[in-house]
Amino acid sequence: MSQKDDKKEALKKESEEKISTRAKERTVANHIAYWIVGVIAVLAVIVAIIGFNYVNSSLQPYNSKNTEDIVVKVPVGSSSKDIAKELEQDKVIKSGTVFNFYIKAQNYTDFQAGYYHFKQSMSMNEVVKQLQKGGSAEPTGAASNTVLVREGVTIDQIGDQIQKSTSFKKKDFLKLMKNKKYLASLQKKYPELLDSSMKKKNVRYHLEGYLFPATYGLYKGMTLKELVNQMVSNENDKLQPYYEQIKEKNLTVQQVLTLSSLVEREGVTNKDRKKIAGVFFNRIDVDMPLQSDISVMYALNTHKTSLTNKDTSVKSPYNLYKNKGYGPGPFNTPSLQSIEAVLNPSDRSEDYLYFVANLKTGKVYYSHTLEEHENKNSSLGQ
């Protein structure tokens, strides 16, 4: 065989080897492709099964054996997502996401605001039917305990009342009042109410003044957080009609509640509360400290019938004898009447800067100057 023929034979052999290699590569590629497709198909089936089981499980009761009442409040203006989130957080349903898909698929709308009594033994369908019926303006049913929050009491005093009336401990309540995560969740839920408080520094309790005075029922299964949630929600409901007015007056909720908490303890009648609010605003206008004894007692964390010069000199941002302006925040829980007095102060044009109450009769006297004020104090023998 010639050299030329040898070369042709070699080239032919090389070509055949390349074709064979490509064929093998195609075969391997096909095997890999089939394997990948098979794996994806299996994963898709697994995901579908998991998804089906998740959805099916979420439609079932959270705990079919638990028949204790869970009180849930649906605030006015809540969206379906808001309601779903609340129900999931309160462990009424397993999944807020599935709840949303469920009500959309069934075209359920127009859920009513109010208080609802749910059970973990209820299926999602039963929960939805309950929401369609509508809630009550106040929690119903037999409360295991009640907690009375009086006008003019402090967070510390509310803690005493909670420990006295329930199985919750005061120390746990005060700890909750400092819980940043909990406070942030409330701020997110009630921004109009709590934004100005959360922005302030040197605040002892950001919820001081924000737990509306009323009687609150403690129902079976209710947590300490849920009890406090009722108080904050009530405060928001009561202030809702006033938010626009507060903005128009270039005030913050924190400032309004701060002055209201002073007015609450300084005045007895609505007439005097409005006049005292006017005195406080007059002082602020002329850059004069409010000089309220209530602020000093809060700074000292005690109650006194009379204050010494040492007391009024105490170093604290809450001491409004030394510090001008509103201070860090409220000193107690004001009533709605005191809040309305601050929003509608009277006799501003009289330019009163001082007031003193007759401790025996309760009558309040107003003065324009320090001299007039001191003379009136002397005449009252106080």
Protein backbone atom coordinates (compact mmCIF):
# COMPACT_ATOMS: atom_id res chain seq x y z
CA MET A 1 0.00 0.00 0.00
CA SER A 2 1.35 3.37 -0.96
CA GLN A 3 2.11 6.18 1.40
CA LYS A 4 -0.77 8.13 -0.08
CA ASP A 5 -3.21 5.32 0.64
CA ASP A 6 -1.90 5.07 4.22
CA LYS A 7 -2.65 8.73 4.74
CA LYS A 8 -6.18 8.38 3.39
CA GLU A 9 -6.78 5.40 5.63
CA ALA A 10 -5.56 7.33 8.68
CA LEU A 11 -7.81 10.28 7.90
CA LYS A 12 -10.75 7.98 7.42
CA LYS A 13 -10.09 6.28 10.73
CA GLU A 14 -9.76 9.65 12.50
CA SER A 15 -13.05 10.83 11.01
CA GLU A 16 -14.82 7.67 12.11
CA GLU A 17 -13.47 8.11 15.65
CA LYS A 18 -14.72 11.71 15.78
CA ILE A 19 -18.18 10.65 14.60
CA SER A 20 -18.23 7.90 17.21
CA THR A 21 -17.16 10.33 19.95
CA ARG A 22 -19.86 12.83 18.98
CA ALA A 23 -22.45 10.08 18.99
CA LYS A 24 -21.37 9.03 22.47
CA GLU A 25 -21.47 12.68 23.66
CA ARG A 26 -24.98 13.07 22.26
CA THR A 27 -26.03 9.90 24.02
CA VAL A 28 -24.56 11.12 27.32
CA ALA A 29 -26.17 14.57 26.85
CA ASN A 30 -29.52 12.95 26.19
CA HIS A 31 -29.17 10.80 29.30
CA ILE A 32 -28.33 13.90 31.39
CA ALA A 33 -31.22 15.87 29.90
CA TYR A 34 -33.64 13.02 30.58
CA TRP A 35 -32.28 12.76 34.14
CA ILE A 36 -32.68 16.52 34.76
CA VAL A 37 -36.20 16.52 33.34
CA GLY A 38 -37.01 13.52 35.50
CA VAL A 39 -35.63 15.19 38.63
CA ILE A 40 -37.58 18.40 37.88
CA ALA A 41 -40.74 16.38 37.31
CA VAL A 42 -40.23 14.56 40.60
CA LEU A 43 -39.52 17.84 42.42
CA ALA A 44 -42.61 19.40 40.86
CA VAL A 45 -44.69 16.50 42.09
CA ILE A 46 -43.12 16.77 45.56
CA VAL A 47 -43.71 20.55 45.69
CA ALA A 48 -47.28 20.03 44.53
CA ILE A 49 -47.86 17.41 47.21
CA ILE A 50 -46.26 19.59 49.91
CA GLY A 51 -48.27 22.59 48.70
CA PHE A 52 -51.49 20.61 48.69
CA ASN A 53 -50.83 19.25 52.17
CA TYR A 54 -49.90 22.75 53.44
CA VAL A 55 -53.07 24.33 52.04
CA ASN A 56 -55.24 21.44 53.21
CA SER A 57 -53.69 21.59 56.69
CA SER A 58 -54.13 25.38 56.84
CA LEU A 59 -57.84 25.02 56.15
CA GLN A 60 -58.20 22.78 59.20
CA PRO A 61 -58.57 24.01 62.81
CA TYR A 62 -55.43 25.36 64.50
CA ASN A 63 -56.05 22.94 67.37
CA SER A 64 -59.25 20.86 67.18
CA LYS A 65 -59.03 20.06 70.90
CA ASN A 66 -58.82 23.65 72.17
CA THR A 67 -62.26 25.19 72.69
CA GLU A 68 -61.20 28.20 74.80
CA ASP A 69 -62.32 31.64 73.59
CA ILE A 70 -59.78 33.87 71.86
CA VAL A 71 -60.87 37.51 71.72
CA VAL A 72 -59.76 39.29 68.54
CA LYS A 73 -60.47 42.92 67.70
CA VAL A 74 -60.86 43.88 64.05
CA PRO A 75 -60.27 47.67 63.92
CA VAL A 76 -62.30 49.94 61.65
CA GLY A 77 -60.77 50.10 58.15
CA SER A 78 -58.90 46.79 58.42
CA SER A 79 -58.11 45.14 55.08
CA SER A 80 -58.40 41.39 54.49
CA LYS A 81 -54.60 41.16 54.83
CA ASP A 82 -54.74 43.01 58.17
CA ILE A 83 -57.41 40.62 59.45
CA ALA A 84 -55.46 37.59 58.20
CA LYS A 85 -52.31 38.79 59.95
CA GLU A 86 -54.19 39.40 63.20
CA LEU A 87 -55.83 35.96 63.11
CA GLU A 88 -52.49 34.26 62.43
CA GLN A 89 -50.73 36.19 65.22
CA ASP A 90 -53.49 35.29 67.67
CA LYS A 91 -53.24 31.62 66.60
CA VAL A 92 -56.80 31.39 65.36
CA ILE A 93 -55.69 30.22 61.89
CA LYS A 94 -52.51 28.52 60.72
CA SER A 95 -51.76 30.65 57.67
CA GLY A 96 -52.72 34.22 56.82
CA THR A 97 -51.58 33.64 53.23
CA VAL A 98 -53.93 30.69 52.74
CA PHE A 99 -56.71 32.69 54.42
CA ASN A 100 -56.30 35.47 51.85
CA PHE A 101 -56.34 33.03 48.91
CA TYR A 102 -59.35 31.26 50.42
CA ILE A 103 -61.53 34.37 50.78
CA LYS A 104 -60.53 35.58 47.28
CA ALA A 105 -61.39 32.21 45.75
CA GLN A 106 -64.75 32.22 47.55
CA ASN A 107 -65.28 35.93 46.84
CA TYR A 108 -65.84 36.75 50.52
CA THR A 109 -65.81 40.49 51.29
CA ASP A 110 -67.20 43.14 53.64
CA PHE A 111 -65.97 41.78 56.95
CA GLN A 112 -67.20 43.90 59.84
CA ALA A 113 -65.10 45.70 62.46
CA GLY A 114 -65.56 44.81 66.12
CA TYR A 115 -64.68 42.22 68.75
CA TYR A 116 -64.89 38.53 67.87
CA HIS A 117 -64.72 35.37 69.93
CA PHE A 118 -62.93 32.59 68.07
CA LYS A 119 -61.73 29.14 69.05
CA GLN A 120 -58.69 27.22 67.82
CA SER A 121 -61.07 24.33 67.17
CA MET A 122 -62.79 26.32 64.40
CA SER A 123 -62.02 25.55 60.75
CA MET A 124 -61.15 28.38 58.38
CA ASN A 125 -64.63 28.21 56.89
CA GLU A 126 -66.15 28.65 60.37
CA VAL A 127 -63.84 31.60 61.08
CA VAL A 128 -64.91 33.28 57.82
CA LYS A 129 -68.60 32.76 58.60
CA GLN A 130 -68.08 34.33 62.01
CA LEU A 131 -66.45 37.38 60.38
CA GLN A 132 -69.38 37.70 57.98
CA LYS A 133 -71.83 37.84 60.88
CA GLY A 134 -70.03 40.86 62.34
CA GLY A 135 -68.43 41.56 65.69
CA SER A 136 -69.56 43.41 68.81
CA ALA A 137 -68.63 46.94 69.87
CA GLU A 138 -67.12 45.57 73.09
CA PRO A 139 -65.85 42.11 74.09
CA THR A 140 -68.77 39.91 75.11
CA GLY A 141 -69.09 36.77 77.15
CA ALA A 142 -67.99 36.06 80.67
CA ALA A 143 -64.70 37.76 81.51
CA SER A 144 -62.59 35.82 83.98
CA ASN A 145 -61.32 39.13 85.45
CA THR A 146 -61.58 42.86 84.84
CA VAL A 147 -58.92 45.56 85.04
CA LEU A 148 -59.95 49.13 85.85
CA VAL A 149 -57.71 51.87 84.46
CA ARG A 150 -58.69 55.09 86.22
CA GLU A 151 -58.24 58.62 84.89
CA GLY A 152 -54.98 60.20 86.03
CA VAL A 153 -53.12 56.98 86.93
CA THR A 154 -49.57 56.20 85.84
CA ILE A 155 -48.14 53.14 84.10
CA ASP A 156 -46.73 52.10 87.47
CA GLN A 157 -50.18 52.28 89.08
CA ILE A 158 -51.76 50.40 86.18
CA GLY A 159 -49.18 47.67 86.83
CA ASP A 160 -50.36 47.51 90.46
CA GLN A 161 -53.98 47.16 89.32
CA ILE A 162 -53.14 44.42 86.80
CA GLN A 163 -51.28 42.40 89.43
CA LYS A 164 -54.14 42.89 91.90
CA SER A 165 -56.91 41.91 89.46
CA THR A 166 -55.29 39.21 87.34
CA SER A 167 -52.68 36.45 87.43
CA PHE A 168 -50.23 38.67 85.52
CA LYS A 169 -47.27 40.13 87.39
CA LYS A 170 -46.51 43.84 87.57
CA LYS A 171 -42.87 43.23 86.71
CA ASP A 172 -43.91 41.48 83.47
CA PHE A 173 -46.22 44.37 82.61
CA LEU A 174 -43.45 46.94 83.18
CA LYS A 175 -41.07 44.78 81.14
CA LEU A 176 -43.60 44.78 78.30
CA MET A 177 -43.77 48.59 78.52
CA LYS A 178 -40.03 48.63 77.70
CA ASN A 179 -40.16 45.93 75.00
CA LYS A 180 -38.89 47.71 71.87
CA LYS A 181 -40.14 45.01 69.50
CA TYR A 182 -43.63 45.17 70.97
CA LEU A 183 -43.66 48.98 70.92
CA ALA A 184 -42.53 48.97 67.29
CA SER A 185 -45.37 46.61 66.36
CA LEU A 186 -47.88 48.94 68.03
CA GLN A 187 -46.39 51.97 66.28
CA LYS A 188 -46.72 50.20 62.94
CA LYS A 189 -50.36 49.40 63.70
CA TYR A 190 -51.25 52.84 65.10
CA PRO A 191 -48.85 55.35 63.48
CA GLU A 192 -51.11 58.40 64.00
CA LEU A 193 -51.31 57.61 67.69
CA LEU A 194 -47.75 56.57 68.52
CA ASP A 195 -45.34 58.14 66.01
CA SER A 196 -44.74 61.30 68.07
CA SER A 197 -44.18 59.31 71.26
CA MET A 198 -41.71 56.91 69.66
CA LYS A 199 -39.70 59.83 68.22
CA LYS A 200 -39.16 61.42 71.63
CA LYS A 201 -36.04 60.74 73.70
CA ASN A 202 -35.64 60.30 77.45
CA VAL A 203 -39.16 58.87 77.72
CA ARG A 204 -39.74 56.65 80.75
CA TYR A 205 -42.61 54.72 79.16
CA HIS A 206 -43.69 55.35 75.58
CA LEU A 207 -47.20 54.12 76.45
CA GLU A 208 -47.59 56.47 79.43
CA GLY A 209 -50.83 58.31 78.72
CA TYR A 210 -51.78 55.92 75.90
CA LEU A 211 -53.68 53.26 77.88
CA PHE A 212 -57.16 54.72 77.80
CA PRO A 213 -59.01 54.83 81.15
CA ALA A 214 -61.81 52.24 81.14
CA THR A 215 -62.70 48.80 82.47
CA TYR A 216 -61.16 45.97 80.46
CA GLY A 217 -62.26 42.36 80.46
CA LEU A 218 -59.71 39.58 80.68
CA TYR A 219 -61.02 36.56 78.80
CA LYS A 220 -59.92 32.96 78.82
CA GLY A 221 -56.72 32.47 76.90
CA MET A 222 -55.99 36.22 76.68
CA THR A 223 -52.33 37.15 77.07
CA LEU A 224 -50.88 40.20 78.80
CA LYS A 225 -50.10 41.67 75.38
CA GLU A 226 -53.70 41.22 74.28
CA LEU A 227 -54.91 42.95 77.43
CA VAL A 228 -52.65 45.94 76.76
CA ASN A 229 -53.60 45.86 73.06
CA GLN A 230 -57.21 46.54 74.12
CA MET A 231 -56.12 49.64 76.03
CA VAL A 232 -54.02 51.06 73.18
CA SER A 233 -56.70 50.26 70.61
CA ASN A 234 -59.29 52.03 72.76
CA GLU A 235 -57.04 55.09 73.00
CA ASN A 236 -56.68 55.14 69.21
CA ASP A 237 -60.44 54.80 68.73
CA LYS A 238 -61.16 57.66 71.14
CA LEU A 239 -58.57 59.98 69.55
CA GLN A 240 -59.48 59.14 65.93
CA PRO A 241 -61.96 62.07 65.64
CA TYR A 242 -59.31 64.51 66.94
CA TYR A 243 -56.24 63.67 64.81
CA GLU A 244 -57.09 66.26 62.16
CA GLN A 245 -57.70 68.94 64.77
CA ILE A 246 -54.37 68.15 66.43
CA LYS A 247 -52.57 68.61 63.10
CA GLU A 248 -54.41 71.86 62.38
CA LYS A 249 -53.18 73.25 65.71
CA ASN A 250 -49.59 72.28 64.80
CA LEU A 251 -49.44 69.98 67.81
CA THR A 252 -48.40 66.35 68.16
CA VAL A 253 -50.38 63.66 69.95
CA GLN A 254 -47.52 63.47 72.47
CA GLN A 255 -47.80 67.18 73.25
CA VAL A 256 -51.59 67.04 73.57
CA LEU A 257 -51.50 64.04 75.90
CA THR A 258 -48.69 65.61 77.94
CA LEU A 259 -50.68 68.79 78.64
CA SER A 260 -53.85 66.72 79.11
CA SER A 261 -52.14 64.64 81.78
CA LEU A 262 -51.24 67.83 83.67
CA VAL A 263 -54.72 69.28 83.23
CA GLU A 264 -56.19 65.97 84.47
CA ARG A 265 -54.53 66.34 87.87
CA GLU A 266 -54.55 70.15 88.16
CA GLY A 267 -58.25 70.77 87.45
CA VAL A 268 -61.50 69.19 88.61
CA THR A 269 -64.24 70.83 86.56
CA ASN A 270 -64.28 71.02 82.78
CA LYS A 271 -64.41 74.81 83.00
CA ASP A 272 -61.22 74.95 85.08
CA ARG A 273 -59.50 72.36 82.94
CA LYS A 274 -60.00 74.53 79.86
CA LYS A 275 -58.74 77.64 81.68
CA ILE A 276 -55.71 75.76 83.07
CA ALA A 277 -54.93 74.49 79.55
CA GLY A 278 -55.05 78.14 78.44
CA VAL A 279 -52.55 79.08 81.17
CA PHE A 280 -50.16 76.34 80.03
CA PHE A 281 -50.35 77.47 76.40
CA ASN A 282 -49.79 81.09 77.47
CA ARG A 283 -46.64 80.02 79.33
CA ILE A 284 -45.37 78.09 76.33
CA ASP A 285 -45.99 81.11 74.09
CA VAL A 286 -43.78 83.34 76.29
CA ASP A 287 -41.10 80.64 76.72
CA MET A 288 -41.90 80.16 80.39
CA PRO A 289 -41.61 76.81 82.22
CA LEU A 290 -44.95 75.16 82.99
CA GLN A 291 -43.90 74.70 86.64
CA SER A 292 -46.42 72.00 87.42
CA ASP A 293 -46.01 70.07 90.68
CA ILE A 294 -47.35 67.01 88.83
CA SER A 295 -44.21 66.95 86.68
CA VAL A 296 -41.91 67.08 89.71
CA MET A 297 -43.71 64.25 91.48
CA TYR A 298 -43.46 62.15 88.33
CA ALA A 299 -39.73 62.97 88.11
CA LEU A 300 -39.33 61.92 91.76
CA ASN A 301 -41.60 58.89 91.18
CA THR A 302 -43.54 59.69 94.34
CA HIS A 303 -46.59 61.63 95.56
CA LYS A 304 -46.33 64.58 97.94
CA THR A 305 -48.81 67.12 99.29
CA SER A 306 -46.14 69.83 99.15
CA LEU A 307 -42.79 70.20 97.41
CA THR A 308 -39.49 71.59 98.72
CA ASN A 309 -36.98 73.69 96.79
CA LYS A 310 -34.83 70.57 96.62
CA ASP A 311 -37.69 68.67 95.02
CA THR A 312 -38.31 71.31 92.36
CA SER A 313 -34.59 71.32 91.55
CA VAL A 314 -34.41 67.58 90.85
CA LYS A 315 -32.40 66.77 87.75
CA SER A 316 -34.83 65.10 85.36
CA PRO A 317 -36.17 65.86 81.87
CA TYR A 318 -39.64 65.44 83.43
CA ASN A 319 -39.07 68.31 85.88
CA LEU A 320 -40.98 71.16 84.21
CA TYR A 321 -39.89 73.59 86.91
CA LYS A 322 -36.38 73.49 85.46
CA ASN A 323 -37.11 72.54 81.83
CA LYS A 324 -39.16 74.62 79.41
CA GLY A 325 -41.65 73.18 76.95
CA TYR A 326 -43.63 69.96 77.14
CA GLY A 327 -40.95 67.64 78.47
CA PRO A 328 -40.53 64.04 77.25
CA GLY A 329 -44.17 63.00 77.45
CA PRO A 330 -47.35 62.41 79.50
CA PHE A 331 -47.29 62.02 83.28
CA ASN A 332 -50.42 59.88 83.59
CA THR A 333 -53.47 58.64 81.70
CA PRO A 334 -55.73 61.62 80.90
CA SER A 335 -59.48 61.45 80.43
CA LEU A 336 -61.19 62.43 77.18
CA GLN A 337 -62.49 65.57 78.94
CA SER A 338 -58.92 66.71 79.68
CA ILE A 339 -57.88 66.01 76.08
CA GLU A 340 -60.83 68.07 74.82
CA ALA A 341 -59.87 70.87 77.25
CA VAL A 342 -56.38 71.04 75.77
CA LEU A 343 -57.77 71.11 72.24
CA ASN A 344 -60.28 73.82 73.21
CA PRO A 345 -58.59 75.98 75.88
CA SER A 346 -60.51 78.98 77.19
CA ASP A 347 -59.67 82.54 78.26
CA ARG A 348 -56.42 82.66 76.29
CA SER A 349 -57.01 86.36 75.68
CA GLU A 350 -56.98 87.01 79.42
CA ASP A 351 -53.23 86.26 79.38
CA TYR A 352 -53.28 84.38 82.68
CA LEU A 353 -49.87 82.90 83.55
CA TYR A 354 -50.56 81.56 87.07
CA PHE A 355 -53.24 79.61 88.88
CA VAL A 356 -53.70 78.18 92.34
CA ALA A 357 -56.47 76.03 93.81
CA ASN A 358 -57.97 76.39 97.25
CA LEU A 359 -57.23 72.97 98.71
CA LYS A 360 -60.32 73.13 100.93
CA THR A 361 -62.95 74.28 98.43
CA GLY A 362 -61.30 73.28 95.14
CA LYS A 363 -61.90 76.75 93.68
CA VAL A 364 -59.14 77.82 91.26
CA TYR A 365 -57.83 81.39 91.13
CA TYR A 366 -55.98 82.84 88.13
CA SER A 367 -53.37 85.60 88.03
CA HIS A 368 -51.48 87.63 85.44
CA THR A 369 -48.32 88.31 87.46
CA LEU A 370 -46.16 86.51 90.00
CA GLU A 371 -46.99 89.19 92.57
CA GLU A 372 -50.73 88.62 92.18
CA HIS A 373 -50.15 84.87 92.39
CA GLU A 374 -48.09 85.07 95.59
CA ASN A 375 -50.62 87.41 97.23
CA LYS A 376 -53.40 84.96 96.44
CA ASN A 377 -51.31 82.09 97.87
CA SER A 378 -50.77 84.07 101.07
CA SER A 379 -54.46 84.86 101.40
CA LEU A 380 -55.30 81.17 101.08
CA GLY A 381 -52.68 80.28 103.71
CA GLN A 382 -51.09 77.63 101.48
